[in-house]
Amino acid sequence: MTTQELSAQLGKVQSTLQADFPKWANYALGNSALEKIKGRIINSGAAAEGNFKPYSTRSTLVGASSFRTKAQATAYFGTRGPKNKKSKALEWRTVNTNKGYRSLAILPGGYKQLRNLVGAESGFKNFTWSGEMWFTIRTQGTEPNGNLKWTTTVGSKIELTNKKLEGNAKREGKEILELSKKEEGELLVVLNEYVANKLQKVING
């Protein structure tokens, strides 16, 4: 193969990448990256570097709506009535909320204790309560930014989810949706295989 022929072949590879890569990157690389991040955080609470801060054990106020289900709230507060020993054993505070004055109980072990009471993971932080936040996070598309480079955006179309991500990132002092060095290396292998396959197809005609 002459230099001119090689140059022409490489030009075809570049054209092919520019045409096919954004869609492939969005669905293959983007989704793979997101699954790696989700799996790592949900299953181990590990950040891209180190770990996230533990759940708070500072005392907090709770009411029935603080629990996942009515049954869980009843198990903690007991049923209403003059013989409700569980409710009488709790320490209460009256606070002014956006729904008016409410009586809320002091939970001495804080949010971590609340997670224990509802059966949620409390040994490490995985930002999971109902699972809705993680469920709504998707790859939003891949756009070129010059010199055969593309950026895949990950996030949610639901404003509340994005606010949760921003708030969590601010409290943690680090990004939540960030790849670790190991994960970047794993995705680089996938990317190199993709480029090599495209090159081989062009060369083989």
Protein backbone atom coordinates (compact mmCIF):
# COMPACT_ATOMS: atom_id res chain seq x y z
CA MET A 1 0.00 0.00 0.00
CA THR A 2 1.40 3.37 -1.03
CA THR A 3 1.49 6.41 1.20
CA GLN A 4 -1.30 7.98 -0.84
CA GLU A 5 -3.45 4.85 -0.49
CA LEU A 6 -2.82 4.71 3.25
CA SER A 7 -3.74 8.37 3.56
CA ALA A 8 -6.97 7.73 1.66
CA GLN A 9 -7.80 4.76 3.89
CA LEU A 10 -7.19 6.78 7.04
CA GLY A 11 -9.41 9.51 5.63
CA LYS A 12 -12.18 6.93 5.23
CA VAL A 13 -11.67 5.79 8.83
CA GLN A 14 -11.96 9.39 10.04
CA SER A 15 -15.14 9.93 8.01
CA THR A 16 -16.59 6.68 9.34
CA LEU A 17 -15.79 7.60 12.92
CA GLN A 18 -17.31 11.05 12.55
CA ALA A 19 -20.50 9.50 11.18
CA ASP A 20 -20.89 6.50 13.50
CA PHE A 21 -19.05 7.35 16.69
CA PRO A 22 -21.51 9.74 18.42
CA LYS A 23 -24.36 7.21 18.44
CA TRP A 24 -22.05 4.34 19.40
CA ALA A 25 -20.37 6.37 22.15
CA ASN A 26 -23.70 7.45 23.60
CA TYR A 27 -25.13 3.93 23.81
CA ALA A 28 -21.99 1.83 24.26
CA LEU A 29 -19.39 3.92 26.06
CA GLY A 30 -21.87 6.24 27.78
CA ASN A 31 -24.14 3.50 29.08
CA SER A 32 -21.18 1.33 30.08
CA ALA A 33 -19.64 4.23 31.99
CA LEU A 34 -22.93 4.98 33.73
CA GLU A 35 -23.47 1.35 34.72
CA LYS A 36 -19.95 1.17 36.16
CA ILE A 37 -20.54 4.32 38.22
CA LYS A 38 -23.99 3.22 39.42
CA GLY A 39 -22.82 -0.29 40.31
CA ARG A 40 -19.80 0.95 42.23
CA ILE A 41 -21.73 3.49 44.29
CA ILE A 42 -24.88 1.43 44.93
CA ASN A 43 -23.01 -1.75 45.84
CA SER A 44 -20.02 -0.37 47.75
CA GLY A 45 -20.43 3.38 48.34
CA ALA A 46 -17.06 4.03 46.70
CA ALA A 47 -16.38 7.34 44.98
CA ALA A 48 -14.11 7.71 41.96
CA GLU A 49 -11.39 8.37 44.54
CA GLY A 50 -11.89 7.19 48.11
CA ASN A 51 -15.34 6.95 49.68
CA PHE A 52 -18.25 9.25 50.26
CA LYS A 53 -18.95 10.65 53.71
CA PRO A 54 -20.92 8.32 56.02
CA TYR A 55 -24.58 8.94 56.67
CA SER A 56 -25.21 11.43 59.46
CA THR A 57 -25.73 10.19 63.02
CA ARG A 58 -26.66 13.65 64.27
CA SER A 59 -30.12 13.65 65.87
CA THR A 60 -32.96 14.71 63.61
CA LEU A 61 -36.72 15.17 63.67
CA VAL A 62 -39.02 12.61 62.04
CA GLY A 63 -42.71 12.14 61.41
CA ALA A 64 -44.78 9.46 59.72
CA SER A 65 -43.91 10.83 56.26
CA SER A 66 -40.19 10.33 57.01
CA PHE A 67 -40.64 6.59 56.56
CA ARG A 68 -40.94 4.68 53.32
CA THR A 69 -44.26 3.07 54.22
CA LYS A 70 -47.12 3.54 56.67
CA ALA A 71 -46.30 0.14 58.20
CA GLN A 72 -42.74 1.26 58.97
CA ALA A 73 -44.01 4.47 60.59
CA THR A 74 -46.50 2.51 62.68
CA ALA A 75 -43.77 0.08 63.76
CA TYR A 76 -41.78 3.01 65.13
CA PHE A 77 -44.49 5.32 66.49
CA GLY A 78 -47.07 2.68 67.38
CA THR A 79 -50.80 2.94 66.72
CA ARG A 80 -52.74 5.98 67.79
CA GLY A 81 -54.51 5.84 71.13
CA PRO A 82 -54.07 6.49 74.86
CA LYS A 83 -52.29 3.15 75.37
CA ASN A 84 -49.58 3.85 72.79
CA LYS A 85 -46.46 3.17 74.85
CA LYS A 86 -44.11 3.58 71.89
CA SER A 87 -45.26 7.12 71.21
CA LYS A 88 -45.08 8.11 74.89
CA ALA A 89 -41.50 6.82 75.13
CA LEU A 90 -40.33 9.19 72.38
CA GLU A 91 -39.14 12.77 72.85
CA TRP A 92 -41.22 15.23 70.82
CA ARG A 93 -40.83 18.75 69.47
CA THR A 94 -43.46 21.05 67.96
CA VAL A 95 -42.15 22.80 64.87
CA ASN A 96 -43.61 25.23 62.36
CA THR A 97 -43.54 23.67 58.86
CA ASN A 98 -44.93 24.74 55.49
CA LYS A 99 -47.98 22.65 56.43
CA GLY A 100 -48.43 24.38 59.77
CA TYR A 101 -47.37 23.30 63.25
CA ARG A 102 -46.50 19.64 63.60
CA SER A 103 -45.28 17.38 66.39
CA LEU A 104 -42.15 15.53 65.34
CA ALA A 105 -40.14 12.96 67.26
CA ILE A 106 -36.42 13.25 67.91
CA LEU A 107 -34.49 10.43 66.27
CA PRO A 108 -31.24 10.31 68.25
CA GLY A 109 -29.27 8.33 65.68
CA GLY A 110 -30.05 10.71 62.84
CA TYR A 111 -30.52 9.83 59.19
CA LYS A 112 -28.38 6.71 59.53
CA GLN A 113 -30.76 5.35 62.17
CA LEU A 114 -33.74 6.17 59.94
CA ARG A 115 -32.20 4.17 57.11
CA ASN A 116 -31.70 1.25 59.48
CA LEU A 117 -35.34 1.44 60.53
CA VAL A 118 -36.61 1.24 56.93
CA GLY A 119 -34.14 -1.42 55.82
CA ALA A 120 -32.04 0.83 53.59
CA GLU A 121 -28.26 0.51 53.28
CA SER A 122 -26.61 2.46 56.11
CA GLY A 123 -23.11 0.97 56.29
CA PHE A 124 -21.99 3.12 53.38
CA LYS A 125 -23.50 5.97 51.39
CA ASN A 126 -25.09 4.91 48.10
CA PHE A 127 -27.52 7.82 47.62
CA THR A 128 -30.40 5.35 47.35
CA TRP A 129 -33.75 5.76 49.08
CA SER A 130 -36.54 4.92 46.65
CA GLY A 131 -34.18 4.21 43.75
CA GLU A 132 -35.87 6.88 41.63
CA MET A 133 -32.80 9.11 41.35
CA TRP A 134 -30.58 6.40 39.87
CA PHE A 135 -33.40 5.11 37.67
CA THR A 136 -33.88 8.47 35.95
CA ILE A 137 -30.19 9.13 35.21
CA ARG A 138 -29.42 8.40 31.56
CA THR A 139 -26.96 9.29 28.81
CA GLN A 140 -28.29 12.47 27.20
CA GLY A 141 -26.34 12.40 23.94
CA THR A 142 -22.86 12.68 22.42
CA GLU A 143 -21.64 15.84 20.68
CA PRO A 144 -18.36 16.55 18.82
CA ASN A 145 -16.02 19.18 20.23
CA GLY A 146 -13.34 19.14 17.53
CA ASN A 147 -10.26 17.09 16.55
CA LEU A 148 -12.10 13.77 16.67
CA LYS A 149 -13.14 14.37 20.27
CA TRP A 150 -16.65 13.96 21.63
CA THR A 151 -18.40 14.63 24.91
CA THR A 152 -21.15 12.36 26.22
CA THR A 153 -23.51 14.08 28.65
CA VAL A 154 -24.99 12.09 31.54
CA GLY A 155 -27.87 13.33 33.66
CA SER A 156 -31.61 13.34 34.03
CA LYS A 157 -34.49 15.07 32.29
CA ILE A 158 -36.15 15.37 35.69
CA GLU A 159 -35.20 18.63 37.40
CA LEU A 160 -35.52 17.22 40.93
CA THR A 161 -33.00 14.47 40.15
CA ASN A 162 -30.47 16.99 38.82
CA LYS A 163 -30.97 19.13 41.93
CA LYS A 164 -30.34 16.07 44.11
CA LEU A 165 -27.12 15.32 42.20
CA GLU A 166 -25.95 18.93 42.53
CA GLY A 167 -26.80 19.03 46.22
CA ASN A 168 -25.07 15.72 46.94
CA ALA A 169 -21.98 16.78 45.01
CA LYS A 170 -21.81 20.04 46.96
CA ARG A 171 -22.14 18.27 50.32
CA GLU A 172 -19.55 15.66 49.39
CA GLY A 173 -17.13 18.16 47.86
CA LYS A 174 -16.74 15.92 44.81
CA GLU A 175 -18.63 14.86 41.71
CA ILE A 176 -20.97 11.89 42.07
CA LEU A 177 -21.04 10.78 38.42
CA GLU A 178 -17.31 10.46 37.90
CA LEU A 179 -15.30 7.53 36.56
CA SER A 180 -12.42 6.05 38.53
CA LYS A 181 -9.03 5.64 36.87
CA LYS A 182 -9.63 1.89 36.65
CA GLU A 183 -12.98 2.40 34.95
CA GLU A 184 -11.46 4.89 32.51
CA GLY A 185 -8.86 2.28 31.58
CA GLU A 186 -11.53 -0.37 31.05
CA LEU A 187 -13.50 1.92 28.75
CA LEU A 188 -10.35 2.89 26.86
CA VAL A 189 -9.87 -0.78 25.96
CA VAL A 190 -13.41 -0.87 24.57
CA LEU A 191 -12.78 2.34 22.63
CA ASN A 192 -9.52 1.05 21.15
CA GLU A 193 -11.26 -2.15 20.03
CA TYR A 194 -13.99 -0.11 18.35
CA VAL A 195 -11.48 2.06 16.44
CA ALA A 196 -9.41 -0.98 15.46
CA ASN A 197 -12.50 -2.77 14.12
CA LYS A 198 -13.49 0.28 12.07
CA LEU A 199 -9.96 0.54 10.69
CA GLN A 200 -9.90 -3.13 9.77
CA LYS A 201 -13.26 -2.90 7.99
CA VAL A 202 -12.10 0.06 5.89
CA ILE A 203 -8.81 -1.64 4.99
CA ASN A 204 -10.59 -4.87 4.04
CA GLY A 205 -13.01 -2.93 1.93
